[in-house]
Amino acid sequence: MANDHSLCPRFEKAFQLLGKRWIGVIIRVLSEGPMRFNEMLEHIPHISQKVLSERLKELEEQDIIVREVYPESPIRIEYRLSEKGQAITPVLDEVQKWADKWVTLE
C-alpha cells in the first residue's frame, strides 16, 4: 500500500487563510469579545487601518466574524466571532502555549 503524501485540500485552504498576516491575531483579539474597529486598532498597534479593514472583510466573507451594525446616532459597528470563528480559538490557545515554550523575542 503506497503512502499518499498529498495535502488535504481543506487543510491547505485553511492555512492559506490562517497564514495571512494578522488573521490569527485578529481572531485572537476578537476571542476576548465583540469590539469596534478602533478598539481592535488599539489591541493590534502595528496593523494599519487599511489592512485591518481588508482582513475584517475577508473574515466576514468566510463567516468567521460577524459585523453587527447598530442603528444609533452615530451608527455603532461591532465585530464578533461567529460560531465558526469561536471553533478555531482552542487551536489558537495551543499555538499560544507552543509560542510561550519555543518562541524567543529579540
PDB file of N, CA and C in Angstrom:
ATOM      1  N   MET A   1       0.840  -1.165   0.000  1.00  0.00           N
ATOM      2  CA  MET A   1       0.000   0.000   0.000  1.00  0.00           C
ATOM      3  C   MET A   1       0.893   1.240   0.000  1.00  0.00           C
ATOM      4  N   ALA A   2       0.744   2.096  -0.995  1.00  0.00           N
ATOM      5  CA  ALA A   2       1.569   3.298  -1.118  1.00  0.00           C
ATOM      6  C   ALA A   2       1.057   4.397  -0.200  1.00  0.00           C
ATOM      7  N   ASN A   3       1.999   5.155   0.353  1.00  0.00           N
ATOM      8  CA  ASN A   3       1.612   6.296   1.190  1.00  0.00           C
ATOM      9  C   ASN A   3       1.251   7.477   0.303  1.00  0.00           C
ATOM     10  N   ASP A   4       0.130   8.096   0.581  1.00  0.00           N
ATOM     11  CA  ASP A   4      -0.285   9.285  -0.147  1.00  0.00           C
ATOM     12  C   ASP A   4       0.221  10.494   0.631  1.00  0.00           C
ATOM     13  N   HIS A   5       1.170  11.217   0.058  1.00  0.00           N
ATOM     14  CA  HIS A   5       1.785  12.352   0.745  1.00  0.00           C
ATOM     15  C   HIS A   5       1.186  13.688   0.319  1.00  0.00           C
ATOM     16  N   SER A   6       0.059  13.661  -0.377  1.00  0.00           N
ATOM     17  CA  SER A   6      -0.552  14.921  -0.790  1.00  0.00           C
ATOM     18  C   SER A   6      -1.313  15.547   0.375  1.00  0.00           C
ATOM     19  N   LEU A   7      -1.376  16.846   0.360  1.00  0.00           N
ATOM     20  CA  LEU A   7      -2.083  17.573   1.402  1.00  0.00           C
ATOM     21  C   LEU A   7      -3.586  17.517   1.177  1.00  0.00           C
ATOM     22  N   CYS A   8      -4.296  17.489   2.248  1.00  0.00           N
ATOM     23  CA  CYS A   8      -5.746  17.588   2.187  1.00  0.00           C
ATOM     24  C   CYS A   8      -6.089  18.987   1.663  1.00  0.00           C
ATOM     25  N   PRO A   9      -6.926  19.089   0.659  1.00  0.00           N
ATOM     26  CA  PRO A   9      -7.266  20.408   0.114  1.00  0.00           C
ATOM     27  C   PRO A   9      -7.905  21.339   1.148  1.00  0.00           C
ATOM     28  N   ARG A  10      -8.660  20.803   2.073  1.00  0.00           N
ATOM     29  CA  ARG A  10      -9.277  21.640   3.111  1.00  0.00           C
ATOM     30  C   ARG A  10      -8.217  22.184   4.073  1.00  0.00           C
ATOM     31  N   PHE A  11      -7.256  21.338   4.432  1.00  0.00           N
ATOM     32  CA  PHE A  11      -6.160  21.776   5.293  1.00  0.00           C
ATOM     33  C   PHE A  11      -5.378  22.899   4.610  1.00  0.00           C
ATOM     34  N   GLU A  12      -5.078  22.689   3.344  1.00  0.00           N
ATOM     35  CA  GLU A  12      -4.322  23.683   2.585  1.00  0.00           C
ATOM     36  C   GLU A  12      -5.096  25.004   2.501  1.00  0.00           C
ATOM     37  N   LYS A  13      -6.384  24.944   2.221  1.00  0.00           N
ATOM     38  CA  LYS A  13      -7.202  26.156   2.131  1.00  0.00           C
ATOM     39  C   LYS A  13      -7.280  26.862   3.486  1.00  0.00           C
ATOM     40  N   ALA A  14      -7.401  26.092   4.570  1.00  0.00           N
ATOM     41  CA  ALA A  14      -7.451  26.678   5.911  1.00  0.00           C
ATOM     42  C   ALA A  14      -6.163  27.431   6.205  1.00  0.00           C
ATOM     43  N   PHE A  15      -5.017  26.849   5.864  1.00  0.00           N
ATOM     44  CA  PHE A  15      -3.751  27.523   6.149  1.00  0.00           C
ATOM     45  C   PHE A  15      -3.484  28.687   5.214  1.00  0.00           C
ATOM     46  N   GLN A  16      -4.048  28.663   4.030  1.00  0.00           N
ATOM     47  CA  GLN A  16      -3.925  29.832   3.157  1.00  0.00           C
ATOM     48  C   GLN A  16      -4.618  31.027   3.795  1.00  0.00           C
ATOM     49  N   LEU A  17      -5.750  30.795   4.448  1.00  0.00           N
ATOM     50  CA  LEU A  17      -6.447  31.872   5.140  1.00  0.00           C
ATOM     51  C   LEU A  17      -5.748  32.219   6.453  1.00  0.00           C
ATOM     52  N   LEU A  18      -5.545  31.231   7.306  1.00  0.00           N
ATOM     53  CA  LEU A  18      -4.981  31.482   8.635  1.00  0.00           C
ATOM     54  C   LEU A  18      -3.536  31.962   8.579  1.00  0.00           C
ATOM     55  N   GLY A  19      -2.842  31.640   7.487  1.00  0.00           N
ATOM     56  CA  GLY A  19      -1.453  32.041   7.351  1.00  0.00           C
ATOM     57  C   GLY A  19      -1.262  33.472   6.885  1.00  0.00           C
ATOM     58  N   LYS A  20      -2.359  34.139   6.506  1.00  0.00           N
ATOM     59  CA  LYS A  20      -2.234  35.532   6.093  1.00  0.00           C
ATOM     60  C   LYS A  20      -1.874  36.392   7.294  1.00  0.00           C
ATOM     61  N   ARG A  21      -1.062  37.368   7.037  1.00  0.00           N
ATOM     62  CA  ARG A  21      -0.619  38.249   8.120  1.00  0.00           C
ATOM     63  C   ARG A  21      -1.815  38.891   8.809  1.00  0.00           C
ATOM     64  N   TRP A  22      -1.810  38.863  10.102  1.00  0.00           N
ATOM     65  CA  TRP A  22      -2.777  39.478  11.016  1.00  0.00           C
ATOM     66  C   TRP A  22      -4.049  38.676  11.232  1.00  0.00           C
ATOM     67  N   ILE A  23      -4.362  37.692  10.403  1.00  0.00           N
ATOM     68  CA  ILE A  23      -5.629  36.960  10.544  1.00  0.00           C
ATOM     69  C   ILE A  23      -5.726  36.302  11.920  1.00  0.00           C
ATOM     70  N   GLY A  24      -4.714  35.541  12.299  1.00  0.00           N
ATOM     71  CA  GLY A  24      -4.740  34.862  13.593  1.00  0.00           C
ATOM     72  C   GLY A  24      -4.802  35.838  14.753  1.00  0.00           C
ATOM     73  N   VAL A  25      -4.096  36.963  14.619  1.00  0.00           N
ATOM     74  CA  VAL A  25      -4.086  37.969  15.674  1.00  0.00           C
ATOM     75  C   VAL A  25      -5.475  38.588  15.820  1.00  0.00           C
ATOM     76  N   ILE A  26      -6.129  38.884  14.718  1.00  0.00           N
ATOM     77  CA  ILE A  26      -7.473  39.457  14.757  1.00  0.00           C
ATOM     78  C   ILE A  26      -8.443  38.490  15.425  1.00  0.00           C
ATOM     79  N   ILE A  27      -8.374  37.222  15.051  1.00  0.00           N
ATOM     80  CA  ILE A  27      -9.250  36.222  15.667  1.00  0.00           C
ATOM     81  C   ILE A  27      -8.967  36.132  17.159  1.00  0.00           C
ATOM     82  N   ARG A  28      -7.691  36.147  17.509  1.00  0.00           N
ATOM     83  CA  ARG A  28      -7.301  36.060  18.926  1.00  0.00           C
ATOM     84  C   ARG A  28      -7.855  37.248  19.717  1.00  0.00           C
ATOM     85  N   VAL A  29      -7.754  38.441  19.163  1.00  0.00           N
ATOM     86  CA  VAL A  29      -8.260  39.643  19.831  1.00  0.00           C
ATOM     87  C   VAL A  29      -9.780  39.577  19.976  1.00  0.00           C
ATOM     88  N   LEU A  30     -10.462  39.141  18.922  1.00  0.00           N
ATOM     89  CA  LEU A  30     -11.924  39.052  18.992  1.00  0.00           C
ATOM     90  C   LEU A  30     -12.404  37.920  19.892  1.00  0.00           C
ATOM     91  N   SER A  31     -11.508  36.999  20.251  1.00  0.00           N
ATOM     92  CA  SER A  31     -11.902  35.937  21.177  1.00  0.00           C
ATOM     93  C   SER A  31     -12.170  36.510  22.573  1.00  0.00           C
ATOM     94  N   GLU A  32     -11.705  37.737  22.820  1.00  0.00           N
ATOM     95  CA  GLU A  32     -11.963  38.413  24.093  1.00  0.00           C
ATOM     96  C   GLU A  32     -13.378  38.979  24.152  1.00  0.00           C
ATOM     97  N   GLY A  33     -14.044  39.063  23.003  1.00  0.00           N
ATOM     98  CA  GLY A  33     -15.409  39.588  22.955  1.00  0.00           C
ATOM     99  C   GLY A  33     -15.568  40.577  21.815  1.00  0.00           C
ATOM    100  N   PRO A  34     -16.804  41.010  21.561  1.00  0.00           N
ATOM    101  CA  PRO A  34     -17.069  41.957  20.469  1.00  0.00           C
ATOM    102  C   PRO A  34     -16.282  43.242  20.642  1.00  0.00           C
ATOM    103  N   MET A  35     -15.843  43.793  19.521  1.00  0.00           N
ATOM    104  CA  MET A  35     -15.065  45.033  19.552  1.00  0.00           C
ATOM    105  C   MET A  35     -15.399  45.898  18.353  1.00  0.00           C
ATOM    106  N   ARG A  36     -15.186  47.177  18.560  1.00  0.00           N
ATOM    107  CA  ARG A  36     -15.300  48.130  17.467  1.00  0.00           C
ATOM    108  C   ARG A  36     -13.948  48.213  16.760  1.00  0.00           C
ATOM    109  N   PHE A  37     -13.975  48.785  15.570  1.00  0.00           N
ATOM    110  CA  PHE A  37     -12.786  48.880  14.734  1.00  0.00           C
ATOM    111  C   PHE A  37     -11.618  49.538  15.481  1.00  0.00           C
ATOM    112  N   ASN A  38     -11.874  50.696  16.080  1.00  0.00           N
ATOM    113  CA  ASN A  38     -10.793  51.420  16.765  1.00  0.00           C
ATOM    114  C   ASN A  38     -10.275  50.673  17.991  1.00  0.00           C
ATOM    115  N   GLU A  39     -11.124  49.900  18.633  1.00  0.00           N
ATOM    116  CA  GLU A  39     -10.672  49.084  19.759  1.00  0.00           C
ATOM    117  C   GLU A  39      -9.677  48.035  19.278  1.00  0.00           C
ATOM    118  N   MET A  40      -9.973  47.447  18.117  1.00  0.00           N
ATOM    119  CA  MET A  40      -9.042  46.458  17.567  1.00  0.00           C
ATOM    120  C   MET A  40      -7.709  47.106  17.206  1.00  0.00           C
ATOM    121  N   LEU A  41      -7.766  48.325  16.666  1.00  0.00           N
ATOM    122  CA  LEU A  41      -6.523  49.035  16.350  1.00  0.00           C
ATOM    123  C   LEU A  41      -5.686  49.249  17.608  1.00  0.00           C
ATOM    124  N   GLU A  42      -6.335  49.520  18.729  1.00  0.00           N
ATOM    125  CA  GLU A  42      -5.616  49.693  19.987  1.00  0.00           C
ATOM    126  C   GLU A  42      -4.966  48.384  20.450  1.00  0.00           C
ATOM    127  N   HIS A  43      -5.650  47.263  20.228  1.00  0.00           N
ATOM    128  CA  HIS A  43      -5.126  45.962  20.640  1.00  0.00           C
ATOM    129  C   HIS A  43      -4.047  45.438  19.692  1.00  0.00           C
ATOM    130  N   ILE A  44      -4.064  45.912  18.440  1.00  0.00           N
ATOM    131  CA  ILE A  44      -3.090  45.462  17.429  1.00  0.00           C
ATOM    132  C   ILE A  44      -2.383  46.706  16.901  1.00  0.00           C
ATOM    133  N   PRO A  45      -1.451  47.257  17.666  1.00  0.00           N
ATOM    134  CA  PRO A  45      -0.889  48.572  17.340  1.00  0.00           C
ATOM    135  C   PRO A  45      -0.109  48.660  16.026  1.00  0.00           C
ATOM    136  N   HIS A  46       0.415  47.582  15.496  1.00  0.00           N
ATOM    137  CA  HIS A  46       1.249  47.670  14.294  1.00  0.00           C
ATOM    138  C   HIS A  46       0.471  47.446  12.998  1.00  0.00           C
ATOM    139  N   ILE A  47      -0.827  47.213  13.079  1.00  0.00           N
ATOM    140  CA  ILE A  47      -1.630  46.981  11.877  1.00  0.00           C
ATOM    141  C   ILE A  47      -2.163  48.333  11.377  1.00  0.00           C
ATOM    142  N   SER A  48      -2.204  48.484  10.069  1.00  0.00           N
ATOM    143  CA  SER A  48      -2.749  49.721   9.505  1.00  0.00           C
ATOM    144  C   SER A  48      -4.268  49.614   9.413  1.00  0.00           C
ATOM    145  N   GLN A  49      -4.922  50.751   9.338  1.00  0.00           N
ATOM    146  CA  GLN A  49      -6.378  50.765   9.197  1.00  0.00           C
ATOM    147  C   GLN A  49      -6.805  50.037   7.927  1.00  0.00           C
ATOM    148  N   LYS A  50      -6.049  50.260   6.860  1.00  0.00           N
ATOM    149  CA  LYS A  50      -6.379  49.636   5.570  1.00  0.00           C
ATOM    150  C   LYS A  50      -6.309  48.112   5.659  1.00  0.00           C
ATOM    151  N   VAL A  51      -5.243  47.612   6.240  1.00  0.00           N
ATOM    152  CA  VAL A  51      -5.075  46.153   6.338  1.00  0.00           C
ATOM    153  C   VAL A  51      -6.128  45.560   7.274  1.00  0.00           C
ATOM    154  N   LEU A  52      -6.401  46.223   8.396  1.00  0.00           N
ATOM    155  CA  LEU A  52      -7.429  45.718   9.305  1.00  0.00           C
ATOM    156  C   LEU A  52      -8.771  45.655   8.590  1.00  0.00           C
ATOM    157  N   SER A  53      -9.098  46.685   7.856  1.00  0.00           N
ATOM    158  CA  SER A  53     -10.356  46.704   7.113  1.00  0.00           C
ATOM    159  C   SER A  53     -10.431  45.560   6.101  1.00  0.00           C
ATOM    160  N   GLU A  54      -9.333  45.343   5.366  1.00  0.00           N
ATOM    161  CA  GLU A  54      -9.287  44.257   4.374  1.00  0.00           C
ATOM    162  C   GLU A  54      -9.439  42.895   5.042  1.00  0.00           C
ATOM    163  N   ARG A  55      -8.729  42.685   6.140  1.00  0.00           N
ATOM    164  CA  ARG A  55      -8.786  41.388   6.827  1.00  0.00           C
ATOM    165  C   ARG A  55     -10.158  41.137   7.431  1.00  0.00           C
ATOM    166  N   LEU A  56     -10.781  42.179   7.972  1.00  0.00           N
ATOM    167  CA  LEU A  56     -12.123  42.003   8.528  1.00  0.00           C
ATOM    168  C   LEU A  56     -13.111  41.607   7.435  1.00  0.00           C
ATOM    169  N   LYS A  57     -12.982  42.206   6.262  1.00  0.00           N
ATOM    170  CA  LYS A  57     -13.857  41.838   5.136  1.00  0.00           C
ATOM    171  C   LYS A  57     -13.638  40.382   4.739  1.00  0.00           C
ATOM    172  N   GLU A  58     -12.380  39.962   4.676  1.00  0.00           N
ATOM    173  CA  GLU A  58     -12.070  38.571   4.338  1.00  0.00           C
ATOM    174  C   GLU A  58     -12.664  37.613   5.362  1.00  0.00           C
ATOM    175  N   LEU A  59     -12.502  37.934   6.635  1.00  0.00           N
ATOM    176  CA  LEU A  59     -13.019  37.067   7.701  1.00  0.00           C
ATOM    177  C   LEU A  59     -14.541  37.041   7.697  1.00  0.00           C
ATOM    178  N   GLU A  60     -15.152  38.155   7.354  1.00  0.00           N
ATOM    179  CA  GLU A  60     -16.617  38.191   7.256  1.00  0.00           C
ATOM    180  C   GLU A  60     -17.089  37.347   6.071  1.00  0.00           C
ATOM    181  N   GLU A  61     -16.390  37.434   4.944  1.00  0.00           N
ATOM    182  CA  GLU A  61     -16.735  36.630   3.759  1.00  0.00           C
ATOM    183  C   GLU A  61     -16.625  35.135   4.050  1.00  0.00           C
ATOM    184  N   GLN A  62     -15.700  34.763   4.929  1.00  0.00           N
ATOM    185  CA  GLN A  62     -15.508  33.358   5.290  1.00  0.00           C
ATOM    186  C   GLN A  62     -16.394  32.931   6.462  1.00  0.00           C
ATOM    187  N   ASP A  63     -17.270  33.820   6.914  1.00  0.00           N
ATOM    188  CA  ASP A  63     -18.179  33.549   8.039  1.00  0.00           C
ATOM    189  C   ASP A  63     -17.437  33.235   9.335  1.00  0.00           C
ATOM    190  N   ILE A  64     -16.276  33.835   9.511  1.00  0.00           N
ATOM    191  CA  ILE A  64     -15.507  33.647  10.738  1.00  0.00           C
ATOM    192  C   ILE A  64     -15.838  34.756  11.737  1.00  0.00           C
ATOM    193  N   ILE A  65     -16.170  35.927  11.212  1.00  0.00           N
ATOM    194  CA  ILE A  65     -16.628  37.007  12.077  1.00  0.00           C
ATOM    195  C   ILE A  65     -17.979  37.505  11.584  1.00  0.00           C
ATOM    196  N   VAL A  66     -18.666  38.197  12.484  1.00  0.00           N
ATOM    197  CA  VAL A  66     -19.950  38.811  12.173  1.00  0.00           C
ATOM    198  C   VAL A  66     -19.807  40.307  12.407  1.00  0.00           C
ATOM    199  N   ARG A  67     -20.262  41.072  11.450  1.00  0.00           N
ATOM    200  CA  ARG A  67     -20.255  42.538  11.556  1.00  0.00           C
ATOM    201  C   ARG A  67     -21.663  42.970  11.951  1.00  0.00           C
ATOM    202  N   GLU A  68     -21.766  43.557  13.124  1.00  0.00           N
ATOM    203  CA  GLU A  68     -23.062  43.997  13.648  1.00  0.00           C
ATOM    204  C   GLU A  68     -23.159  45.518  13.527  1.00  0.00           C
ATOM    205  N   VAL A  69     -24.225  45.998  12.880  1.00  0.00           N
ATOM    206  CA  VAL A  69     -24.455  47.430  12.745  1.00  0.00           C
ATOM    207  C   VAL A  69     -25.626  47.803  13.649  1.00  0.00           C
ATOM    208  N   TYR A  70     -25.378  48.745  14.545  1.00  0.00           N
ATOM    209  CA  TYR A  70     -26.405  49.211  15.473  1.00  0.00           C
ATOM    210  C   TYR A  70     -26.865  50.589  15.003  1.00  0.00           C
ATOM    211  N   PRO A  71     -28.145  50.709  14.638  1.00  0.00           N
ATOM    212  CA  PRO A  71     -28.652  51.973  14.084  1.00  0.00           C
ATOM    213  C   PRO A  71     -28.858  53.037  15.163  1.00  0.00           C
ATOM    214  N   GLU A  72     -27.767  53.478  15.725  1.00  0.00           N
ATOM    215  CA  GLU A  72     -27.794  54.523  16.738  1.00  0.00           C
ATOM    216  C   GLU A  72     -27.291  55.806  16.082  1.00  0.00           C
ATOM    217  N   SER A  73     -27.234  56.849  16.842  1.00  0.00           N
ATOM    218  CA  SER A  73     -26.670  58.086  16.333  1.00  0.00           C
ATOM    219  C   SER A  73     -25.511  58.488  17.232  1.00  0.00           C
ATOM    220  N   PRO A  74     -24.266  58.400  16.779  1.00  0.00           N
ATOM    221  CA  PRO A  74     -23.830  57.893  15.475  1.00  0.00           C
ATOM    222  C   PRO A  74     -23.939  56.362  15.404  1.00  0.00           C
ATOM    223  N   ILE A  75     -23.914  55.859  14.190  1.00  0.00           N
ATOM    224  CA  ILE A  75     -24.005  54.408  13.970  1.00  0.00           C
ATOM    225  C   ILE A  75     -22.835  53.720  14.663  1.00  0.00           C
ATOM    226  N   ARG A  76     -23.135  52.613  15.331  1.00  0.00           N
ATOM    227  CA  ARG A  76     -22.100  51.829  16.012  1.00  0.00           C
ATOM    228  C   ARG A  76     -21.955  50.502  15.282  1.00  0.00           C
ATOM    229  N   ILE A  77     -20.719  50.134  14.987  1.00  0.00           N
ATOM    230  CA  ILE A  77     -20.431  48.864  14.313  1.00  0.00           C
ATOM    231  C   ILE A  77     -19.492  48.066  15.200  1.00  0.00           C
ATOM    232  N   GLU A  78     -19.863  46.830  15.462  1.00  0.00           N
ATOM    233  CA  GLU A  78     -19.019  45.925  16.240  1.00  0.00           C
ATOM    234  C   GLU A  78     -18.760  44.660  15.446  1.00  0.00           C
ATOM    235  N   TYR A  79     -17.636  44.050  15.749  1.00  0.00           N
ATOM    236  CA  TYR A  79     -17.256  42.782  15.136  1.00  0.00           C
ATOM    237  C   TYR A  79     -17.160  41.747  16.241  1.00  0.00           C
ATOM    238  N   ARG A  80     -17.617  40.543  15.933  1.00  0.00           N
ATOM    239  CA  ARG A  80     -17.525  39.450  16.901  1.00  0.00           C
ATOM    240  C   ARG A  80     -17.264  38.161  16.140  1.00  0.00           C
ATOM    241  N   LEU A  81     -16.771  37.166  16.853  1.00  0.00           N
ATOM    242  CA  LEU A  81     -16.553  35.864  16.234  1.00  0.00           C
ATOM    243  C   LEU A  81     -17.886  35.157  16.032  1.00  0.00           C
ATOM    244  N   SER A  82     -18.018  34.497  14.907  1.00  0.00           N
ATOM    245  CA  SER A  82     -19.169  33.631  14.659  1.00  0.00           C
ATOM    246  C   SER A  82     -18.909  32.301  15.359  1.00  0.00           C
ATOM    247  N   GLU A  83     -19.837  31.393  15.250  1.00  0.00           N
ATOM    248  CA  GLU A  83     -19.625  30.045  15.795  1.00  0.00           C
ATOM    249  C   GLU A  83     -18.404  29.403  15.136  1.00  0.00           C
ATOM    250  N   LYS A  84     -18.290  29.611  13.842  1.00  0.00           N
ATOM    251  CA  LYS A  84     -17.139  29.086  13.094  1.00  0.00           C
ATOM    252  C   LYS A  84     -15.841  29.700  13.603  1.00  0.00           C
ATOM    253  N   GLY A  85     -15.850  31.003  13.893  1.00  0.00           N
ATOM    254  CA  GLY A  85     -14.667  31.679  14.419  1.00  0.00           C
ATOM    255  C   GLY A  85     -14.325  31.219  15.825  1.00  0.00           C
ATOM    256  N   GLN A  86     -15.344  31.023  16.643  1.00  0.00           N
ATOM    257  CA  GLN A  86     -15.108  30.555  18.008  1.00  0.00           C
ATOM    258  C   GLN A  86     -14.507  29.150  18.012  1.00  0.00           C
ATOM    259  N   ALA A  87     -14.840  28.369  17.000  1.00  0.00           N
ATOM    260  CA  ALA A  87     -14.349  26.992  16.936  1.00  0.00           C
ATOM    261  C   ALA A  87     -12.833  26.918  16.730  1.00  0.00           C
ATOM    262  N   ILE A  88     -12.223  27.968  16.211  1.00  0.00           N
ATOM    263  CA  ILE A  88     -10.771  27.947  15.981  1.00  0.00           C
ATOM    264  C   ILE A  88      -9.992  28.411  17.211  1.00  0.00           C
ATOM    265  N   THR A  89     -10.659  29.028  18.187  1.00  0.00           N
ATOM    266  CA  THR A  89      -9.930  29.592  19.328  1.00  0.00           C
ATOM    267  C   THR A  89      -9.170  28.557  20.151  1.00  0.00           C
ATOM    268  N   PRO A  90      -9.664  27.328  20.342  1.00  0.00           N
ATOM    269  CA  PRO A  90      -8.826  26.353  21.064  1.00  0.00           C
ATOM    270  C   PRO A  90      -7.505  26.059  20.346  1.00  0.00           C
ATOM    271  N   VAL A  91      -7.522  26.108  19.037  1.00  0.00           N
ATOM    272  CA  VAL A  91      -6.296  25.896  18.264  1.00  0.00           C
ATOM    273  C   VAL A  91      -5.332  27.052  18.515  1.00  0.00           C
ATOM    274  N   LEU A  92      -5.859  28.265  18.544  1.00  0.00           N
ATOM    275  CA  LEU A  92      -5.010  29.427  18.811  1.00  0.00           C
ATOM    276  C   LEU A  92      -4.464  29.398  20.233  1.00  0.00           C
ATOM    277  N   ASP A  93      -5.240  28.865  21.172  1.00  0.00           N
ATOM    278  CA  ASP A  93      -4.743  28.688  22.542  1.00  0.00           C
ATOM    279  C   ASP A  93      -3.541  27.751  22.561  1.00  0.00           C
ATOM    280  N   GLU A  94      -3.602  26.701  21.768  1.00  0.00           N
ATOM    281  CA  GLU A  94      -2.483  25.760  21.685  1.00  0.00           C
ATOM    282  C   GLU A  94      -1.267  26.404  21.019  1.00  0.00           C
ATOM    283  N   VAL A  95      -1.501  27.239  20.015  1.00  0.00           N
ATOM    284  CA  VAL A  95      -0.391  27.974  19.393  1.00  0.00           C
ATOM    285  C   VAL A  95       0.257  28.887  20.421  1.00  0.00           C
ATOM    286  N   GLN A  96      -0.554  29.515  21.284  1.00  0.00           N
ATOM    287  CA  GLN A  96      -0.014  30.375  22.335  1.00  0.00           C
ATOM    288  C   GLN A  96       0.872  29.565  23.290  1.00  0.00           C
ATOM    289  N   LYS A  97       0.422  28.383  23.665  1.00  0.00           N
ATOM    290  CA  LYS A  97       1.230  27.529  24.548  1.00  0.00           C
ATOM    291  C   LYS A  97       2.555  27.160  23.881  1.00  0.00           C
ATOM    292  N   TRP A  98       2.483  26.820  22.605  1.00  0.00           N
ATOM    293  CA  TRP A  98       3.685  26.481  21.853  1.00  0.00           C
ATOM    294  C   TRP A  98       4.623  27.687  21.798  1.00  0.00           C
ATOM    295  N   ALA A  99       4.053  28.879  21.514  1.00  0.00           N
ATOM    296  CA  ALA A  99       4.866  30.095  21.423  1.00  0.00           C
ATOM    297  C   ALA A  99       5.514  30.422  22.765  1.00  0.00           C
ATOM    298  N   ASP A 100       4.761  30.246  23.853  1.00  0.00           N
ATOM    299  CA  ASP A 100       5.321  30.519  25.181  1.00  0.00           C
ATOM    300  C   ASP A 100       6.535  29.643  25.456  1.00  0.00           C
ATOM    301  N   LYS A 101       6.496  28.426  24.971  1.00  0.00           N
ATOM    302  CA  LYS A 101       7.593  27.494  25.224  1.00  0.00           C
ATOM    303  C   LYS A 101       8.762  27.659  24.250  1.00  0.00           C
ATOM    304  N   TRP A 102       8.478  27.925  22.978  1.00  0.00           N
ATOM    305  CA  TRP A 102       9.508  27.817  21.955  1.00  0.00           C
ATOM    306  C   TRP A 102       9.906  29.113  21.241  1.00  0.00           C
ATOM    307  N   VAL A 103       9.102  30.143  21.297  1.00  0.00           N
ATOM    308  CA  VAL A 103       9.414  31.360  20.542  1.00  0.00           C
ATOM    309  C   VAL A 103      10.142  32.344  21.450  1.00  0.00           C
ATOM    310  N   THR A 104      11.288  32.805  20.985  1.00  0.00           N
ATOM    311  CA  THR A 104      12.045  33.803  21.728  1.00  0.00           C
ATOM    312  C   THR A 104      11.880  35.153  21.072  1.00  0.00           C
ATOM    313  N   LEU A 105      11.891  36.197  21.876  1.00  0.00           N
ATOM    314  CA  LEU A 105      11.796  37.559  21.365  1.00  0.00           C
ATOM    315  C   LEU A 105      13.191  38.167  21.338  1.00  0.00           C
ATOM    316  N   GLU A 106      13.437  38.952  20.330  1.00  0.00           N
ATOM    317  CA  GLU A 106      14.756  39.595  20.173  1.00  0.00           C
ATOM    318  C   GLU A 106      14.982  40.612  21.262  1.00  0.00           C
TER     319      GLU A 106
END
